[in-house]
Amino acid sequence: MDEDTGEIWFQGETVTDPAELAEAARHSPIGASESVVKLPPVMRAIVMEAVNGTYERGRQGPGPHPRRD
C-alpha cells in the first residue's frame, strides 16, 4: 500500500499461461501495459487489510527491503 497515494501494489508470480490469461481477460480486459500476477492465498488477508484501511502503516514483509539496503 502506497501510503502517499493510496495505490495498492501487487507483487506475485507473473502469469504466462495462455489459458490462464484468457480466463483473466474474460473478466476484465488486460491492457497493453498491464500484467496479470498470481498471489498466494496467504496474501488475501493482507490485501483486505489494505482495502479496508486496517493495515499497519509501515509494516514490511519478510526479508530485506530493497529500498533500504
PDB file of N, CA and C in Angstrom:
ATOM      1  N   MET A   1       0.857  -1.174   0.000  1.00  0.00           N
ATOM      2  CA  MET A   1       0.000   0.000   0.000  1.00  0.00           C
ATOM      3  C   MET A   1       0.898   1.231   0.000  1.00  0.00           C
ATOM      4  N   ASP A   2       0.725   2.085  -0.990  1.00  0.00           N
ATOM      5  CA  ASP A   2       1.487   3.331  -1.035  1.00  0.00           C
ATOM      6  C   ASP A   2       0.795   4.318  -0.105  1.00  0.00           C
ATOM      7  N   GLU A   3       1.454   4.640   0.970  1.00  0.00           N
ATOM      8  CA  GLU A   3       0.843   5.499   1.990  1.00  0.00           C
ATOM      9  C   GLU A   3       0.594   6.916   1.505  1.00  0.00           C
ATOM     10  N   ASP A   4       1.337   7.353   0.482  1.00  0.00           N
ATOM     11  CA  ASP A   4       1.159   8.712  -0.033  1.00  0.00           C
ATOM     12  C   ASP A   4      -0.012   8.825  -1.003  1.00  0.00           C
ATOM     13  N   THR A   5      -0.163   7.823  -1.879  1.00  0.00           N
ATOM     14  CA  THR A   5      -1.187   7.907  -2.926  1.00  0.00           C
ATOM     15  C   THR A   5      -2.407   7.030  -2.676  1.00  0.00           C
ATOM     16  N   GLY A   6      -2.280   6.038  -1.790  1.00  0.00           N
ATOM     17  CA  GLY A   6      -3.371   5.098  -1.569  1.00  0.00           C
ATOM     18  C   GLY A   6      -3.414   3.972  -2.584  1.00  0.00           C
ATOM     19  N   GLU A   7      -2.474   3.968  -3.525  1.00  0.00           N
ATOM     20  CA  GLU A   7      -2.434   2.898  -4.528  1.00  0.00           C
ATOM     21  C   GLU A   7      -2.017   1.582  -3.871  1.00  0.00           C
ATOM     22  N   ILE A   8      -2.547   0.496  -4.400  1.00  0.00           N
ATOM     23  CA  ILE A   8      -2.175  -0.834  -3.926  1.00  0.00           C
ATOM     24  C   ILE A   8      -1.282  -1.458  -4.980  1.00  0.00           C
ATOM     25  N   TRP A   9      -0.101  -1.873  -4.583  1.00  0.00           N
ATOM     26  CA  TRP A   9       0.849  -2.512  -5.485  1.00  0.00           C
ATOM     27  C   TRP A   9       0.830  -4.009  -5.218  1.00  0.00           C
ATOM     28  N   PHE A  10       0.909  -4.790  -6.276  1.00  0.00           N
ATOM     29  CA  PHE A  10       0.934  -6.238  -6.138  1.00  0.00           C
ATOM     30  C   PHE A  10       2.249  -6.789  -6.658  1.00  0.00           C
ATOM     31  N   GLN A  11       2.780  -7.715  -5.925  1.00  0.00           N
ATOM     32  CA  GLN A  11       3.970  -8.444  -6.347  1.00  0.00           C
ATOM     33  C   GLN A  11       3.619  -9.914  -6.243  1.00  0.00           C
ATOM     34  N   GLY A  12       3.810 -10.635  -7.316  1.00  0.00           N
ATOM     35  CA  GLY A  12       3.492 -12.059  -7.308  1.00  0.00           C
ATOM     36  C   GLY A  12       4.069 -12.731  -8.528  1.00  0.00           C
ATOM     37  N   GLU A  13       3.716 -13.976  -8.687  1.00  0.00           N
ATOM     38  CA  GLU A  13       4.184 -14.768  -9.819  1.00  0.00           C
ATOM     39  C   GLU A  13       3.523 -14.263 -11.104  1.00  0.00           C
ATOM     40  N   THR A  14       4.316 -13.957 -12.121  1.00  0.00           N
ATOM     41  CA  THR A  14       3.781 -13.490 -13.396  1.00  0.00           C
ATOM     42  C   THR A  14       3.064 -14.633 -14.103  1.00  0.00           C
ATOM     43  N   VAL A  15       1.848 -14.384 -14.548  1.00  0.00           N
ATOM     44  CA  VAL A  15       1.074 -15.385 -15.280  1.00  0.00           C
ATOM     45  C   VAL A  15       1.465 -15.313 -16.752  1.00  0.00           C
ATOM     46  N   THR A  16       1.892 -16.439 -17.294  1.00  0.00           N
ATOM     47  CA  THR A  16       2.258 -16.500 -18.711  1.00  0.00           C
ATOM     48  C   THR A  16       1.467 -17.553 -19.465  1.00  0.00           C
ATOM     49  N   ASP A  17       0.750 -18.407 -18.751  1.00  0.00           N
ATOM     50  CA  ASP A  17      -0.028 -19.462 -19.389  1.00  0.00           C
ATOM     51  C   ASP A  17      -1.160 -18.846 -20.210  1.00  0.00           C
ATOM     52  N   PRO A  18      -1.211 -19.121 -21.518  1.00  0.00           N
ATOM     53  CA  PRO A  18      -2.242 -18.511 -22.376  1.00  0.00           C
ATOM     54  C   PRO A  18      -3.669 -18.785 -21.907  1.00  0.00           C
ATOM     55  N   ALA A  19      -3.927 -19.983 -21.407  1.00  0.00           N
ATOM     56  CA  ALA A  19      -5.290 -20.305 -20.949  1.00  0.00           C
ATOM     57  C   ALA A  19      -5.654 -19.483 -19.715  1.00  0.00           C
ATOM     58  N   GLU A  20      -4.705 -19.315 -18.802  1.00  0.00           N
ATOM     59  CA  GLU A  20      -4.975 -18.518 -17.604  1.00  0.00           C
ATOM     60  C   GLU A  20      -5.156 -17.042 -17.952  1.00  0.00           C
ATOM     61  N   LEU A  21      -4.363 -16.549 -18.889  1.00  0.00           N
ATOM     62  CA  LEU A  21      -4.516 -15.161 -19.322  1.00  0.00           C
ATOM     63  C   LEU A  21      -5.860 -14.948 -20.009  1.00  0.00           C
ATOM     64  N   ALA A  22      -6.269 -15.913 -20.808  1.00  0.00           N
ATOM     65  CA  ALA A  22      -7.567 -15.807 -21.482  1.00  0.00           C
ATOM     66  C   ALA A  22      -8.698 -15.803 -20.458  1.00  0.00           C
ATOM     67  N   GLU A  23      -8.581 -16.629 -19.414  1.00  0.00           N
ATOM     68  CA  GLU A  23      -9.602 -16.658 -18.359  1.00  0.00           C
ATOM     69  C   GLU A  23      -9.661 -15.319 -17.630  1.00  0.00           C
ATOM     70  N   ALA A  24      -8.506 -14.745 -17.322  1.00  0.00           N
ATOM     71  CA  ALA A  24      -8.486 -13.433 -16.661  1.00  0.00           C
ATOM     72  C   ALA A  24      -9.103 -12.374 -17.561  1.00  0.00           C
ATOM     73  N   ALA A  25      -8.795 -12.422 -18.845  1.00  0.00           N
ATOM     74  CA  ALA A  25      -9.306 -11.431 -19.796  1.00  0.00           C
ATOM     75  C   ALA A  25     -10.818 -11.541 -19.982  1.00  0.00           C
ATOM     76  N   ARG A  26     -11.378 -12.708 -19.721  1.00  0.00           N
ATOM     77  CA  ARG A  26     -12.839 -12.867 -19.804  1.00  0.00           C
ATOM     78  C   ARG A  26     -13.536 -11.994 -18.762  1.00  0.00           C
ATOM     79  N   HIS A  27     -12.884 -11.767 -17.642  1.00  0.00           N
ATOM     80  CA  HIS A  27     -13.477 -11.000 -16.546  1.00  0.00           C
ATOM     81  C   HIS A  27     -13.162  -9.512 -16.649  1.00  0.00           C
ATOM     82  N   SER A  28     -11.994  -9.192 -17.201  1.00  0.00           N
ATOM     83  CA  SER A  28     -11.584  -7.811 -17.344  1.00  0.00           C
ATOM     84  C   SER A  28     -10.500  -7.745 -18.410  1.00  0.00           C
ATOM     85  N   PRO A  29     -10.684  -6.943 -19.445  1.00  0.00           N
ATOM     86  CA  PRO A  29      -9.668  -6.861 -20.495  1.00  0.00           C
ATOM     87  C   PRO A  29      -8.303  -6.478 -19.909  1.00  0.00           C
ATOM     88  N   ILE A  30      -7.259  -7.089 -20.433  1.00  0.00           N
ATOM     89  CA  ILE A  30      -5.899  -6.804 -19.984  1.00  0.00           C
ATOM     90  C   ILE A  30      -5.306  -5.761 -20.917  1.00  0.00           C
ATOM     91  N   GLY A  31      -4.996  -4.593 -20.376  1.00  0.00           N
ATOM     92  CA  GLY A  31      -4.446  -3.504 -21.176  1.00  0.00           C
ATOM     93  C   GLY A  31      -3.047  -3.817 -21.669  1.00  0.00           C
ATOM     94  N   ALA A  32      -2.630  -3.127 -22.702  1.00  0.00           N
ATOM     95  CA  ALA A  32      -1.319  -3.363 -23.312  1.00  0.00           C
ATOM     96  C   ALA A  32      -0.177  -3.157 -22.320  1.00  0.00           C
ATOM     97  N   SER A  33      -0.339  -2.289 -21.358  1.00  0.00           N
ATOM     98  CA  SER A  33       0.735  -2.031 -20.392  1.00  0.00           C
ATOM     99  C   SER A  33       0.499  -2.745 -19.057  1.00  0.00           C
ATOM    100  N   GLU A  34      -0.462  -3.674 -19.015  1.00  0.00           N
ATOM    101  CA  GLU A  34      -0.799  -4.381 -17.779  1.00  0.00           C
ATOM    102  C   GLU A  34      -0.238  -5.802 -17.770  1.00  0.00           C
ATOM    103  N   SER A  35      -0.107  -6.339 -16.577  1.00  0.00           N
ATOM    104  CA  SER A  35       0.306  -7.720 -16.378  1.00  0.00           C
ATOM    105  C   SER A  35      -0.678  -8.382 -15.428  1.00  0.00           C
ATOM    106  N   VAL A  36      -0.736  -9.686 -15.482  1.00  0.00           N
ATOM    107  CA  VAL A  36      -1.524 -10.464 -14.537  1.00  0.00           C
ATOM    108  C   VAL A  36      -0.533 -11.176 -13.628  1.00  0.00           C
ATOM    109  N   VAL A  37      -0.754 -11.086 -12.316  1.00  0.00           N
ATOM    110  CA  VAL A  37       0.098 -11.781 -11.361  1.00  0.00           C
ATOM    111  C   VAL A  37      -0.777 -12.638 -10.452  1.00  0.00           C
ATOM    112  N   LYS A  38      -0.210 -13.743  -9.970  1.00  0.00           N
ATOM    113  CA  LYS A  38      -0.890 -14.597  -9.005  1.00  0.00           C
ATOM    114  C   LYS A  38      -0.326 -14.305  -7.627  1.00  0.00           C
ATOM    115  N   LEU A  39      -1.217 -14.202  -6.657  1.00  0.00           N
ATOM    116  CA  LEU A  39      -0.810 -14.039  -5.278  1.00  0.00           C
ATOM    117  C   LEU A  39      -1.194 -15.302  -4.518  1.00  0.00           C
ATOM    118  N   PRO A  40      -0.366 -15.754  -3.579  1.00  0.00           N
ATOM    119  CA  PRO A  40      -0.725 -16.936  -2.799  1.00  0.00           C
ATOM    120  C   PRO A  40      -1.902 -16.624  -1.878  1.00  0.00           C
ATOM    121  N   PRO A  41      -2.652 -17.651  -1.491  1.00  0.00           N
ATOM    122  CA  PRO A  41      -3.826 -17.433  -0.636  1.00  0.00           C
ATOM    123  C   PRO A  41      -3.531 -16.656   0.647  1.00  0.00           C
ATOM    124  N   VAL A  42      -2.334 -16.794   1.191  1.00  0.00           N
ATOM    125  CA  VAL A  42      -1.993 -16.098   2.425  1.00  0.00           C
ATOM    126  C   VAL A  42      -2.066 -14.577   2.249  1.00  0.00           C
ATOM    127  N   MET A  43      -1.959 -14.098   1.015  1.00  0.00           N
ATOM    128  CA  MET A  43      -1.999 -12.662   0.752  1.00  0.00           C
ATOM    129  C   MET A  43      -3.403 -12.079   0.837  1.00  0.00           C
ATOM    130  N   ARG A  44      -4.417 -12.908   0.822  1.00  0.00           N
ATOM    131  CA  ARG A  44      -5.800 -12.410   0.849  1.00  0.00           C
ATOM    132  C   ARG A  44      -6.050 -11.495   2.046  1.00  0.00           C
ATOM    133  N   ALA A  45      -5.647 -11.941   3.226  1.00  0.00           N
ATOM    134  CA  ALA A  45      -5.881 -11.144   4.428  1.00  0.00           C
ATOM    135  C   ALA A  45      -5.115  -9.827   4.365  1.00  0.00           C
ATOM    136  N   ILE A  46      -3.896  -9.868   3.843  1.00  0.00           N
ATOM    137  CA  ILE A  46      -3.073  -8.664   3.755  1.00  0.00           C
ATOM    138  C   ILE A  46      -3.690  -7.669   2.770  1.00  0.00           C
ATOM    139  N   VAL A  47      -4.156  -8.166   1.631  1.00  0.00           N
ATOM    140  CA  VAL A  47      -4.800  -7.299   0.639  1.00  0.00           C
ATOM    141  C   VAL A  47      -6.073  -6.693   1.223  1.00  0.00           C
ATOM    142  N   MET A  48      -6.853  -7.505   1.927  1.00  0.00           N
ATOM    143  CA  MET A  48      -8.092  -6.991   2.502  1.00  0.00           C
ATOM    144  C   MET A  48      -7.810  -5.936   3.575  1.00  0.00           C
ATOM    145  N   GLU A  49      -6.713  -6.091   4.326  1.00  0.00           N
ATOM    146  CA  GLU A  49      -6.342  -5.037   5.281  1.00  0.00           C
ATOM    147  C   GLU A  49      -6.099  -3.724   4.546  1.00  0.00           C
ATOM    148  N   ALA A  50      -5.397  -3.789   3.422  1.00  0.00           N
ATOM    149  CA  ALA A  50      -5.117  -2.576   2.646  1.00  0.00           C
ATOM    150  C   ALA A  50      -6.415  -1.970   2.113  1.00  0.00           C
ATOM    151  N   VAL A  51      -7.291  -2.799   1.593  1.00  0.00           N
ATOM    152  CA  VAL A  51      -8.558  -2.318   1.037  1.00  0.00           C
ATOM    153  C   VAL A  51      -9.421  -1.677   2.120  1.00  0.00           C
ATOM    154  N   ASN A  52      -9.447  -2.303   3.292  1.00  0.00           N
ATOM    155  CA  ASN A  52     -10.301  -1.814   4.379  1.00  0.00           C
ATOM    156  C   ASN A  52      -9.666  -0.694   5.201  1.00  0.00           C
ATOM    157  N   GLY A  53      -8.381  -0.421   4.934  1.00  0.00           N
ATOM    158  CA  GLY A  53      -7.699   0.626   5.687  1.00  0.00           C
ATOM    159  C   GLY A  53      -7.308   0.209   7.089  1.00  0.00           C
ATOM    160  N   THR A  54      -7.260  -1.086   7.361  1.00  0.00           N
ATOM    161  CA  THR A  54      -6.915  -1.568   8.701  1.00  0.00           C
ATOM    162  C   THR A  54      -5.478  -2.079   8.775  1.00  0.00           C
ATOM    163  N   TYR A  55      -4.709  -1.852   7.715  1.00  0.00           N
ATOM    164  CA  TYR A  55      -3.313  -2.309   7.707  1.00  0.00           C
ATOM    165  C   TYR A  55      -2.485  -1.476   8.673  1.00  0.00           C
ATOM    166  N   GLU A  56      -1.386  -2.064   9.104  1.00  0.00           N
ATOM    167  CA  GLU A  56      -0.463  -1.365   9.996  1.00  0.00           C
ATOM    168  C   GLU A  56       0.505  -0.554   9.154  1.00  0.00           C
ATOM    169  N   ARG A  57       0.436   0.758   9.227  1.00  0.00           N
ATOM    170  CA  ARG A  57       1.297   1.629   8.425  1.00  0.00           C
ATOM    171  C   ARG A  57       2.767   1.323   8.681  1.00  0.00           C
ATOM    172  N   GLY A  58       3.524   1.218   7.596  1.00  0.00           N
ATOM    173  CA  GLY A  58       4.951   0.984   7.705  1.00  0.00           C
ATOM    174  C   GLY A  58       5.357  -0.463   7.870  1.00  0.00           C
ATOM    175  N   ARG A  59       4.385  -1.348   8.022  1.00  0.00           N
ATOM    176  CA  ARG A  59       4.716  -2.767   8.180  1.00  0.00           C
ATOM    177  C   ARG A  59       5.346  -3.283   6.904  1.00  0.00           C
ATOM    178  N   GLN A  60       6.391  -4.077   7.039  1.00  0.00           N
ATOM    179  CA  GLN A  60       7.093  -4.651   5.881  1.00  0.00           C
ATOM    180  C   GLN A  60       6.977  -6.168   5.924  1.00  0.00           C
ATOM    181  N   GLY A  61       7.062  -6.756   4.770  1.00  0.00           N
ATOM    182  CA  GLY A  61       7.075  -8.208   4.679  1.00  0.00           C
ATOM    183  C   GLY A  61       8.416  -8.770   5.118  1.00  0.00           C
ATOM    184  N   PRO A  62       8.560 -10.085   5.077  1.00  0.00           N
ATOM    185  CA  PRO A  62       9.824 -10.695   5.494  1.00  0.00           C
ATOM    186  C   PRO A  62      10.932 -10.387   4.519  1.00  0.00           C
ATOM    187  N   GLY A  63      12.144 -10.447   4.991  1.00  0.00           N
ATOM    188  CA  GLY A  63      13.294 -10.241   4.127  1.00  0.00           C
ATOM    189  C   GLY A  63      13.707  -8.789   4.083  1.00  0.00           C
ATOM    190  N   PRO A  64      14.851  -8.533   3.462  1.00  0.00           N
ATOM    191  CA  PRO A  64      15.355  -7.157   3.398  1.00  0.00           C
ATOM    192  C   PRO A  64      14.491  -6.291   2.483  1.00  0.00           C
ATOM    193  N   HIS A  65      14.398  -5.051   2.805  1.00  0.00           N
ATOM    194  CA  HIS A  65      13.644  -4.098   1.995  1.00  0.00           C
ATOM    195  C   HIS A  65      14.621  -3.496   0.981  1.00  0.00           C
ATOM    196  N   PRO A  66      14.402  -3.690  -0.337  1.00  0.00           N
ATOM    197  CA  PRO A  66      15.383  -3.272  -1.339  1.00  0.00           C
ATOM    198  C   PRO A  66      15.656  -1.772  -1.355  1.00  0.00           C
ATOM    199  N   ARG A  67      14.709  -0.958  -0.969  1.00  0.00           N
ATOM    200  CA  ARG A  67      14.930   0.487  -0.984  1.00  0.00           C
ATOM    201  C   ARG A  67      15.662   0.972   0.270  1.00  0.00           C
ATOM    202  N   ARG A  68      15.865   0.088   1.211  1.00  0.00           N
ATOM    203  CA  ARG A  68      16.538   0.488   2.453  1.00  0.00           C
ATOM    204  C   ARG A  68      17.902  -0.155   2.600  1.00  0.00           C
ATOM    205  N   ASP A  69      18.308  -0.989   1.662  1.00  0.00           N
ATOM    206  CA  ASP A  69      19.630  -1.649   1.731  1.00  0.00           C
ATOM    207  C   ASP A  69      20.724  -0.713   1.286  1.00  0.00           C
TER     208      ASP A  69
END
